[in-house]
């Protein structure tokens, strides 16, 4: 749990860089990869991951511009990656400007439960991590080597000389 805005911003920035690296690896063609025949596409999930950040923060009282036309998934992987970069950077500015360390202790109703703002923004990071994981799996299905988020992907292990990479 975060006790200072600085604690949150430090972790947010680390996770944002990891997410940016994943999104930078997408191709326009990969955005069409579906979870299953009736399921969402990689593009829809990556776009949701991106556009949900300001929506989430606005829901909990922060004044932030949401992404216009958030329902219209871009066909450009570069547009999604660029939008994420701008949104994640803006999120840190908004939180630093509008909340204080004391704000983190304030309690709100979030997802039908009483939660502190610290818990709420921790949930935002978990939400991003959850969808980033989905994106990396779909990248693999689309034939793209995913960025190693918390460790190397199998191709990098093999380059390191490890014949049977750990799971």
N, C-alpha and C. Protein backbone atom coordinates (compact mmCIF):
# COMPACT_ATOMS: atom_id res chain seq x y z
N UNK A 1 0.85 -1.17 0.00
CA UNK A 1 0.00 0.00 0.00
C UNK A 1 0.90 1.23 0.00
N UNK A 2 0.45 2.24 -0.65
CA UNK A 2 1.23 3.47 -0.76
C UNK A 2 0.92 4.39 0.41
N UNK A 3 1.96 4.94 1.00
CA UNK A 3 1.78 5.89 2.09
C UNK A 3 2.14 7.31 1.65
N UNK A 4 2.82 7.42 0.51
CA UNK A 4 3.12 8.74 -0.05
C UNK A 4 2.83 8.72 -1.55
N UNK A 5 2.55 9.89 -2.07
CA UNK A 5 2.36 10.04 -3.51
C UNK A 5 3.64 9.63 -4.23
N UNK A 6 4.76 9.98 -3.66
CA UNK A 6 6.06 9.62 -4.24
C UNK A 6 6.22 8.11 -4.38
N UNK A 7 5.77 7.35 -3.36
CA UNK A 7 5.81 5.87 -3.45
C UNK A 7 5.04 5.39 -4.66
N UNK A 8 3.84 5.92 -4.80
CA UNK A 8 3.00 5.52 -5.93
C UNK A 8 3.65 5.91 -7.25
N UNK A 9 4.10 7.14 -7.38
CA UNK A 9 4.67 7.62 -8.63
C UNK A 9 5.88 6.78 -9.03
N UNK A 10 6.72 6.43 -8.07
CA UNK A 10 7.88 5.58 -8.38
C UNK A 10 7.45 4.25 -8.99
N UNK A 11 6.48 3.61 -8.37
CA UNK A 11 6.03 2.32 -8.90
C UNK A 11 5.28 2.51 -10.22
N UNK A 12 4.44 3.54 -10.28
CA UNK A 12 3.70 3.81 -11.52
C UNK A 12 4.67 3.99 -12.69
N UNK A 13 5.72 4.78 -12.49
CA UNK A 13 6.67 5.03 -13.57
C UNK A 13 7.37 3.76 -14.02
N UNK A 14 7.73 2.89 -13.08
CA UNK A 14 8.37 1.62 -13.45
C UNK A 14 7.41 0.75 -14.27
N UNK A 15 6.18 0.64 -13.80
CA UNK A 15 5.19 -0.18 -14.52
C UNK A 15 4.82 0.44 -15.86
N UNK A 16 4.78 1.76 -15.94
CA UNK A 16 4.47 2.44 -17.20
C UNK A 16 5.56 2.17 -18.24
N UNK A 17 6.81 2.17 -17.82
CA UNK A 17 7.91 1.88 -18.76
C UNK A 17 7.78 0.45 -19.28
N UNK A 18 7.50 -0.49 -18.38
CA UNK A 18 7.34 -1.88 -18.81
C UNK A 18 6.18 -2.02 -19.79
N UNK A 19 5.06 -1.35 -19.48
CA UNK A 19 3.90 -1.40 -20.36
C UNK A 19 4.21 -0.73 -21.69
N UNK A 20 4.92 0.39 -21.66
CA UNK A 20 5.30 1.08 -22.89
C UNK A 20 6.15 0.18 -23.77
N UNK A 21 7.09 -0.55 -23.17
CA UNK A 21 7.93 -1.47 -23.94
C UNK A 21 7.10 -2.55 -24.62
N UNK A 22 6.09 -3.06 -23.92
CA UNK A 22 5.21 -4.07 -24.51
C UNK A 22 4.43 -3.45 -25.66
N UNK A 23 3.81 -2.30 -25.43
CA UNK A 23 2.99 -1.67 -26.48
C UNK A 23 3.82 -1.25 -27.68
N UNK A 24 5.07 -0.85 -27.44
CA UNK A 24 5.94 -0.47 -28.56
C UNK A 24 6.25 -1.66 -29.47
N UNK A 25 6.06 -2.88 -28.98
CA UNK A 25 6.31 -4.07 -29.77
C UNK A 25 5.14 -4.50 -30.65
N UNK A 26 3.99 -3.85 -30.49
CA UNK A 26 2.82 -4.21 -31.30
C UNK A 26 3.00 -3.77 -32.74
N UNK A 27 2.33 -4.49 -33.63
CA UNK A 27 2.26 -4.09 -35.04
C UNK A 27 0.80 -3.85 -35.38
N UNK A 28 0.58 -3.12 -36.45
CA UNK A 28 -0.80 -2.86 -36.87
C UNK A 28 -1.54 -4.17 -37.10
N UNK A 29 -0.88 -5.12 -37.73
CA UNK A 29 -1.51 -6.41 -38.03
C UNK A 29 -1.84 -7.19 -36.75
N UNK A 30 -0.96 -7.08 -35.74
CA UNK A 30 -1.17 -7.84 -34.50
C UNK A 30 -2.42 -7.38 -33.75
N UNK A 31 -2.86 -6.16 -33.98
CA UNK A 31 -4.02 -5.63 -33.27
C UNK A 31 -5.28 -6.43 -33.55
N UNK A 32 -5.27 -7.20 -34.63
CA UNK A 32 -6.45 -8.00 -35.02
C UNK A 32 -6.51 -9.34 -34.30
N UNK A 33 -5.43 -9.74 -33.63
CA UNK A 33 -5.39 -11.04 -32.96
C UNK A 33 -6.50 -11.10 -31.91
N UNK A 34 -7.32 -12.15 -31.98
CA UNK A 34 -8.42 -12.30 -31.03
C UNK A 34 -8.09 -13.31 -29.94
N UNK A 35 -8.72 -13.09 -28.80
CA UNK A 35 -8.59 -14.03 -27.69
C UNK A 35 -9.20 -15.37 -28.10
N UNK A 36 -10.39 -15.32 -28.68
CA UNK A 36 -11.08 -16.46 -29.26
C UNK A 36 -12.02 -15.88 -30.30
N UNK A 37 -12.70 -16.71 -31.06
CA UNK A 37 -13.44 -16.22 -32.24
C UNK A 37 -14.43 -15.10 -31.94
N UNK A 38 -15.08 -15.13 -30.79
CA UNK A 38 -16.02 -14.07 -30.45
C UNK A 38 -15.42 -13.06 -29.47
N UNK A 39 -14.17 -13.24 -29.13
CA UNK A 39 -13.56 -12.43 -28.08
C UNK A 39 -12.97 -11.12 -28.57
N UNK A 40 -12.49 -10.36 -27.60
CA UNK A 40 -11.86 -9.08 -27.90
C UNK A 40 -10.55 -9.29 -28.65
N UNK A 41 -10.16 -8.25 -29.34
CA UNK A 41 -8.88 -8.30 -30.05
C UNK A 41 -7.77 -7.73 -29.17
N UNK A 42 -6.56 -8.03 -29.56
CA UNK A 42 -5.40 -7.47 -28.88
C UNK A 42 -5.49 -5.94 -28.92
N UNK A 43 -5.89 -5.38 -30.05
CA UNK A 43 -6.04 -3.94 -30.17
C UNK A 43 -7.04 -3.37 -29.17
N UNK A 44 -8.17 -4.04 -29.02
CA UNK A 44 -9.20 -3.57 -28.07
C UNK A 44 -8.66 -3.62 -26.65
N UNK A 45 -7.95 -4.67 -26.29
CA UNK A 45 -7.42 -4.79 -24.93
C UNK A 45 -6.34 -3.72 -24.68
N UNK A 46 -5.44 -3.54 -25.65
CA UNK A 46 -4.39 -2.52 -25.50
C UNK A 46 -5.00 -1.12 -25.41
N UNK A 47 -6.04 -0.87 -26.19
CA UNK A 47 -6.70 0.42 -26.17
C UNK A 47 -7.44 0.62 -24.85
N UNK A 48 -8.10 -0.43 -24.36
CA UNK A 48 -8.79 -0.36 -23.06
C UNK A 48 -7.78 -0.07 -21.95
N UNK A 49 -6.67 -0.78 -21.95
CA UNK A 49 -5.62 -0.57 -20.97
C UNK A 49 -5.23 0.92 -20.95
N UNK A 50 -5.13 1.51 -22.12
CA UNK A 50 -4.71 2.90 -22.28
C UNK A 50 -5.79 3.88 -21.85
N UNK A 51 -6.98 3.72 -22.40
CA UNK A 51 -8.04 4.70 -22.16
C UNK A 51 -8.65 4.59 -20.77
N UNK A 52 -8.50 3.45 -20.13
CA UNK A 52 -9.10 3.28 -18.80
C UNK A 52 -8.37 4.07 -17.72
N UNK A 53 -7.13 4.45 -17.97
CA UNK A 53 -6.36 5.16 -16.95
C UNK A 53 -7.03 6.48 -16.56
N UNK A 54 -7.27 7.39 -17.52
CA UNK A 54 -7.93 8.63 -17.10
C UNK A 54 -9.38 8.42 -16.67
N UNK A 55 -10.06 7.45 -17.26
CA UNK A 55 -11.44 7.17 -16.84
C UNK A 55 -11.47 6.74 -15.38
N UNK A 56 -10.55 5.88 -15.01
CA UNK A 56 -10.45 5.37 -13.64
C UNK A 56 -10.16 6.51 -12.67
N UNK A 57 -9.19 7.34 -13.01
CA UNK A 57 -8.83 8.45 -12.12
C UNK A 57 -9.97 9.46 -11.99
N UNK A 58 -10.66 9.72 -13.09
CA UNK A 58 -11.80 10.64 -13.06
C UNK A 58 -12.92 10.08 -12.18
N UNK A 59 -13.11 8.79 -12.24
CA UNK A 59 -14.14 8.13 -11.43
C UNK A 59 -13.91 8.38 -9.94
N UNK A 60 -12.65 8.54 -9.55
CA UNK A 60 -12.33 8.70 -8.14
C UNK A 60 -11.94 10.13 -7.78
N UNK A 61 -12.48 11.08 -8.58
CA UNK A 61 -12.43 12.47 -8.18
C UNK A 61 -11.32 13.33 -8.74
N UNK A 62 -10.43 12.76 -9.54
CA UNK A 62 -9.37 13.58 -10.10
C UNK A 62 -9.87 14.24 -11.38
N UNK A 63 -9.46 15.46 -11.57
CA UNK A 63 -9.83 16.20 -12.79
C UNK A 63 -8.77 15.89 -13.84
N UNK A 64 -9.19 15.13 -14.86
CA UNK A 64 -8.27 14.69 -15.90
C UNK A 64 -9.05 14.53 -17.19
N UNK A 65 -8.42 14.87 -18.28
CA UNK A 65 -9.05 14.71 -19.59
C UNK A 65 -9.07 13.23 -19.96
N UNK A 66 -10.25 12.75 -20.32
CA UNK A 66 -10.35 11.37 -20.80
C UNK A 66 -10.01 11.34 -22.28
N UNK A 67 -9.73 10.16 -22.80
CA UNK A 67 -9.38 10.01 -24.21
C UNK A 67 -10.65 10.13 -25.04
N UNK A 68 -10.61 11.03 -26.00
CA UNK A 68 -11.77 11.21 -26.89
C UNK A 68 -11.91 9.97 -27.76
N UNK A 69 -13.15 9.62 -28.05
CA UNK A 69 -13.45 8.46 -28.89
C UNK A 69 -12.81 7.18 -28.35
N UNK A 70 -12.89 6.99 -27.06
CA UNK A 70 -12.28 5.83 -26.42
C UNK A 70 -12.87 4.50 -26.91
N UNK A 71 -14.07 4.54 -27.44
CA UNK A 71 -14.70 3.32 -27.95
C UNK A 71 -14.17 2.93 -29.33
N UNK A 72 -13.56 3.87 -30.04
CA UNK A 72 -13.04 3.61 -31.38
C UNK A 72 -11.59 3.14 -31.30
N UNK A 73 -11.39 1.84 -31.43
CA UNK A 73 -10.04 1.28 -31.32
C UNK A 73 -9.24 1.67 -32.56
N UNK A 74 -8.09 2.29 -32.36
CA UNK A 74 -7.25 2.65 -33.51
C UNK A 74 -6.76 1.42 -34.26
N UNK A 75 -6.48 1.59 -35.53
CA UNK A 75 -5.90 0.51 -36.32
C UNK A 75 -4.38 0.64 -36.38
N UNK A 76 -3.87 1.66 -35.71
CA UNK A 76 -2.44 1.92 -35.68
C UNK A 76 -1.86 1.57 -34.31
N UNK A 77 -0.92 0.62 -34.29
CA UNK A 77 -0.26 0.25 -33.04
C UNK A 77 0.52 1.44 -32.49
N UNK A 78 1.10 2.22 -33.38
CA UNK A 78 1.86 3.39 -32.94
C UNK A 78 0.96 4.39 -32.22
N UNK A 79 -0.26 4.56 -32.70
CA UNK A 79 -1.20 5.49 -32.06
C UNK A 79 -1.53 5.02 -30.63
N UNK A 80 -1.73 3.73 -30.46
CA UNK A 80 -2.02 3.20 -29.13
C UNK A 80 -0.83 3.43 -28.21
N UNK A 81 0.37 3.11 -28.68
CA UNK A 81 1.58 3.28 -27.86
C UNK A 81 1.81 4.74 -27.51
N UNK A 82 1.62 5.63 -28.47
CA UNK A 82 1.81 7.08 -28.22
C UNK A 82 0.77 7.60 -27.23
N UNK A 83 -0.47 7.14 -27.40
CA UNK A 83 -1.53 7.58 -26.48
C UNK A 83 -1.23 7.10 -25.07
N UNK A 84 -0.78 5.86 -24.93
CA UNK A 84 -0.43 5.35 -23.61
C UNK A 84 0.66 6.22 -22.98
N UNK A 85 1.67 6.54 -23.75
CA UNK A 85 2.78 7.35 -23.24
C UNK A 85 2.26 8.68 -22.69
N UNK A 86 1.38 9.33 -23.44
CA UNK A 86 0.82 10.62 -23.01
C UNK A 86 -0.10 10.47 -21.80
N UNK A 87 -0.95 9.45 -21.83
CA UNK A 87 -1.91 9.22 -20.74
C UNK A 87 -1.18 8.89 -19.45
N UNK A 88 -0.19 8.01 -19.51
CA UNK A 88 0.50 7.60 -18.28
C UNK A 88 1.30 8.75 -17.69
N UNK A 89 1.90 9.57 -18.54
CA UNK A 89 2.64 10.74 -18.07
C UNK A 89 1.68 11.76 -17.44
N UNK A 90 0.56 11.97 -18.09
CA UNK A 90 -0.42 12.92 -17.56
C UNK A 90 -0.99 12.44 -16.23
N UNK A 91 -1.16 11.14 -16.09
CA UNK A 91 -1.70 10.59 -14.84
C UNK A 91 -0.80 10.95 -13.66
N UNK A 92 0.51 10.86 -13.83
CA UNK A 92 1.41 11.21 -12.73
C UNK A 92 1.29 12.68 -12.38
N UNK A 93 1.21 13.53 -13.39
CA UNK A 93 1.08 14.97 -13.14
C UNK A 93 -0.20 15.28 -12.38
N UNK A 94 -1.29 14.69 -12.83
CA UNK A 94 -2.59 14.95 -12.20
C UNK A 94 -2.60 14.49 -10.75
N UNK A 95 -2.08 13.32 -10.49
CA UNK A 95 -2.06 12.80 -9.11
C UNK A 95 -1.16 13.68 -8.24
N UNK A 96 0.01 14.04 -8.73
CA UNK A 96 0.92 14.90 -7.96
C UNK A 96 0.31 16.27 -7.67
N UNK A 97 -0.45 16.80 -8.62
CA UNK A 97 -1.03 18.13 -8.46
C UNK A 97 -2.30 18.13 -7.61
N UNK A 98 -3.07 17.05 -7.66
CA UNK A 98 -4.39 17.09 -7.04
C UNK A 98 -4.51 16.29 -5.74
N UNK A 99 -3.60 15.40 -5.48
CA UNK A 99 -3.65 14.63 -4.24
C UNK A 99 -2.38 14.88 -3.43
N UNK A 100 -2.51 14.71 -2.15
CA UNK A 100 -1.38 14.81 -1.23
C UNK A 100 -1.22 13.45 -0.55
N UNK A 101 -0.18 13.35 0.24
CA UNK A 101 0.00 12.10 1.00
C UNK A 101 -1.23 11.83 1.87
N UNK A 102 -1.81 12.88 2.42
CA UNK A 102 -3.02 12.73 3.26
C UNK A 102 -4.21 12.23 2.43
N UNK A 103 -4.27 12.63 1.16
CA UNK A 103 -5.36 12.18 0.28
C UNK A 103 -5.39 10.67 0.16
N UNK A 104 -4.24 10.04 0.27
CA UNK A 104 -4.17 8.58 0.13
C UNK A 104 -4.93 7.86 1.24
N UNK A 105 -5.11 8.52 2.36
CA UNK A 105 -5.81 7.92 3.50
C UNK A 105 -7.33 8.06 3.39
N UNK A 106 -7.78 8.99 2.54
CA UNK A 106 -9.22 9.21 2.39
C UNK A 106 -9.89 7.97 1.83
N UNK A 107 -11.11 7.73 2.28
CA UNK A 107 -11.86 6.53 1.90
C UNK A 107 -13.01 6.91 0.97
N UNK A 108 -13.19 6.09 -0.06
CA UNK A 108 -14.28 6.27 -1.01
C UNK A 108 -14.91 4.90 -1.26
N UNK A 109 -16.07 4.93 -1.87
CA UNK A 109 -16.68 3.68 -2.31
C UNK A 109 -16.11 3.37 -3.69
N UNK A 110 -15.47 2.23 -3.78
CA UNK A 110 -14.87 1.80 -5.04
C UNK A 110 -15.27 0.36 -5.27
N UNK A 111 -15.95 0.12 -6.38
CA UNK A 111 -16.35 -1.23 -6.73
C UNK A 111 -17.15 -1.89 -5.61
N UNK A 112 -18.07 -1.08 -5.07
CA UNK A 112 -19.01 -1.50 -4.03
C UNK A 112 -18.38 -1.77 -2.67
N UNK A 113 -17.16 -1.30 -2.48
CA UNK A 113 -16.49 -1.47 -1.19
C UNK A 113 -15.89 -0.13 -0.77
N UNK A 114 -15.77 0.04 0.52
CA UNK A 114 -15.08 1.22 1.04
C UNK A 114 -13.57 0.94 0.93
N UNK A 115 -12.87 1.84 0.24
CA UNK A 115 -11.43 1.66 0.04
C UNK A 115 -10.72 3.01 0.15
N UNK A 116 -9.50 2.96 0.64
CA UNK A 116 -8.70 4.19 0.68
C UNK A 116 -8.24 4.53 -0.73
N UNK A 117 -7.91 5.80 -0.93
CA UNK A 117 -7.38 6.20 -2.23
C UNK A 117 -6.08 5.46 -2.55
N UNK A 118 -5.30 5.13 -1.53
CA UNK A 118 -4.08 4.36 -1.75
C UNK A 118 -4.41 2.99 -2.34
N UNK A 119 -5.44 2.36 -1.83
CA UNK A 119 -5.87 1.06 -2.35
C UNK A 119 -6.43 1.20 -3.76
N UNK A 120 -7.16 2.27 -3.98
CA UNK A 120 -7.76 2.51 -5.30
C UNK A 120 -6.67 2.66 -6.37
N UNK A 121 -5.64 3.45 -6.09
CA UNK A 121 -4.61 3.62 -7.12
C UNK A 121 -3.71 2.39 -7.25
N UNK A 122 -3.60 1.61 -6.17
CA UNK A 122 -2.92 0.33 -6.30
C UNK A 122 -3.72 -0.57 -7.25
N UNK A 123 -5.03 -0.49 -7.17
CA UNK A 123 -5.90 -1.24 -8.08
C UNK A 123 -5.70 -0.82 -9.52
N UNK A 124 -5.42 0.45 -9.75
CA UNK A 124 -5.15 0.91 -11.11
C UNK A 124 -3.90 0.24 -11.67
N UNK A 125 -2.87 0.18 -10.87
CA UNK A 125 -1.64 -0.49 -11.34
C UNK A 125 -1.93 -1.97 -11.61
N UNK A 126 -2.66 -2.62 -10.73
CA UNK A 126 -2.99 -4.03 -10.94
C UNK A 126 -3.82 -4.23 -12.21
N UNK A 127 -4.70 -3.30 -12.48
CA UNK A 127 -5.51 -3.36 -13.70
C UNK A 127 -4.62 -3.29 -14.94
N UNK A 128 -3.66 -2.38 -14.93
CA UNK A 128 -2.74 -2.24 -16.06
C UNK A 128 -1.92 -3.52 -16.22
N UNK A 129 -1.39 -4.04 -15.13
CA UNK A 129 -0.58 -5.26 -15.17
C UNK A 129 -1.39 -6.43 -15.70
N UNK A 130 -2.63 -6.55 -15.26
CA UNK A 130 -3.52 -7.62 -15.72
C UNK A 130 -3.66 -7.58 -17.24
N UNK A 131 -4.01 -6.43 -17.77
CA UNK A 131 -4.21 -6.33 -19.22
C UNK A 131 -2.89 -6.41 -19.99
N UNK A 132 -1.81 -5.94 -19.40
CA UNK A 132 -0.51 -6.08 -20.05
C UNK A 132 -0.17 -7.56 -20.24
N UNK A 133 -0.51 -8.37 -19.25
CA UNK A 133 -0.29 -9.81 -19.38
C UNK A 133 -1.11 -10.40 -20.51
N UNK A 134 -2.35 -9.98 -20.64
CA UNK A 134 -3.17 -10.45 -21.75
C UNK A 134 -2.54 -10.06 -23.09
N UNK A 135 -2.05 -8.83 -23.16
CA UNK A 135 -1.44 -8.35 -24.40
C UNK A 135 -0.22 -9.19 -24.77
N UNK A 136 0.61 -9.54 -23.78
CA UNK A 136 1.81 -10.31 -24.11
C UNK A 136 1.45 -11.70 -24.62
N UNK A 137 0.42 -12.31 -24.06
CA UNK A 137 -0.01 -13.63 -24.55
C UNK A 137 -0.52 -13.52 -25.98
N UNK A 138 -1.32 -12.50 -26.25
CA UNK A 138 -1.85 -12.32 -27.60
C UNK A 138 -0.75 -11.94 -28.60
N UNK A 139 0.27 -11.25 -28.15
CA UNK A 139 1.40 -10.96 -29.03
C UNK A 139 2.05 -12.27 -29.47
N UNK A 140 2.24 -13.16 -28.53
CA UNK A 140 2.84 -14.46 -28.84
C UNK A 140 1.95 -15.19 -29.85
N UNK A 141 0.65 -15.18 -29.65
CA UNK A 141 -0.26 -15.83 -30.59
C UNK A 141 -0.24 -15.18 -31.96
N UNK A 142 0.07 -13.88 -32.00
CA UNK A 142 0.14 -13.15 -33.27
C UNK A 142 1.52 -13.30 -33.93
N UNK A 143 2.40 -14.08 -33.31
CA UNK A 143 3.71 -14.32 -33.91
C UNK A 143 4.76 -13.28 -33.56
N UNK A 144 4.52 -12.50 -32.52
CA UNK A 144 5.46 -11.46 -32.11
C UNK A 144 6.13 -11.89 -30.80
N UNK A 145 7.44 -11.74 -30.75
CA UNK A 145 8.15 -12.01 -29.50
C UNK A 145 7.81 -10.89 -28.53
N UNK A 146 7.24 -11.22 -27.38
CA UNK A 146 6.89 -10.17 -26.42
C UNK A 146 8.13 -9.65 -25.68
N UNK A 147 8.03 -8.44 -25.22
CA UNK A 147 9.06 -7.86 -24.38
C UNK A 147 9.08 -8.61 -23.06
N UNK A 148 10.25 -8.87 -22.53
CA UNK A 148 10.38 -9.53 -21.24
C UNK A 148 10.06 -8.55 -20.12
N UNK A 149 8.91 -8.68 -19.51
CA UNK A 149 8.45 -7.72 -18.52
C UNK A 149 9.18 -7.91 -17.19
N UNK A 150 9.02 -9.05 -16.56
CA UNK A 150 9.68 -9.31 -15.29
C UNK A 150 10.78 -10.36 -15.43
N UNK A 151 11.07 -10.71 -16.64
CA UNK A 151 12.12 -11.67 -16.95
C UNK A 151 12.13 -11.88 -18.45
N UNK A 152 13.15 -12.53 -18.96
CA UNK A 152 13.27 -12.68 -20.41
C UNK A 152 12.24 -13.65 -20.99
N UNK A 153 11.81 -13.39 -22.24
CA UNK A 153 10.99 -14.37 -22.93
C UNK A 153 11.87 -15.55 -23.35
N UNK A 154 11.25 -16.63 -23.79
CA UNK A 154 12.00 -17.86 -24.09
C UNK A 154 13.11 -17.63 -25.12
N UNK A 155 12.87 -16.77 -26.10
CA UNK A 155 13.89 -16.54 -27.13
C UNK A 155 15.17 -15.95 -26.53
N UNK A 156 15.02 -15.08 -25.55
CA UNK A 156 16.20 -14.50 -24.91
C UNK A 156 16.91 -15.53 -24.05
N UNK A 157 16.16 -16.39 -23.37
CA UNK A 157 16.79 -17.46 -22.59
C UNK A 157 17.64 -18.34 -23.50
N UNK A 158 17.09 -18.66 -24.65
CA UNK A 158 17.81 -19.51 -25.61
C UNK A 158 19.09 -18.81 -26.06
N UNK A 159 19.02 -17.51 -26.32
CA UNK A 159 20.22 -16.75 -26.70
C UNK A 159 21.25 -16.74 -25.57
N UNK A 160 20.79 -16.84 -24.32
CA UNK A 160 21.70 -16.90 -23.18
C UNK A 160 22.32 -18.29 -23.04
N UNK A 161 21.89 -19.24 -23.88
CA UNK A 161 22.43 -20.59 -23.83
C UNK A 161 21.66 -21.55 -22.95
N UNK A 162 20.47 -21.16 -22.52
CA UNK A 162 19.63 -22.01 -21.69
C UNK A 162 18.71 -22.81 -22.63
N UNK A 163 18.94 -24.14 -22.67
CA UNK A 163 18.20 -24.98 -23.60
C UNK A 163 16.73 -25.16 -23.19
N UNK A 164 16.50 -25.35 -21.92
CA UNK A 164 15.14 -25.51 -21.40
C UNK A 164 14.81 -24.34 -20.49
N UNK A 165 14.31 -23.24 -21.10
CA UNK A 165 14.03 -22.05 -20.29
C UNK A 165 13.00 -22.33 -19.18
N UNK A 166 13.14 -21.66 -18.04
CA UNK A 166 12.15 -21.84 -16.97
C UNK A 166 10.79 -21.32 -17.45
N UNK A 167 9.76 -21.89 -16.89
CA UNK A 167 8.40 -21.46 -17.28
C UNK A 167 8.02 -20.18 -16.61
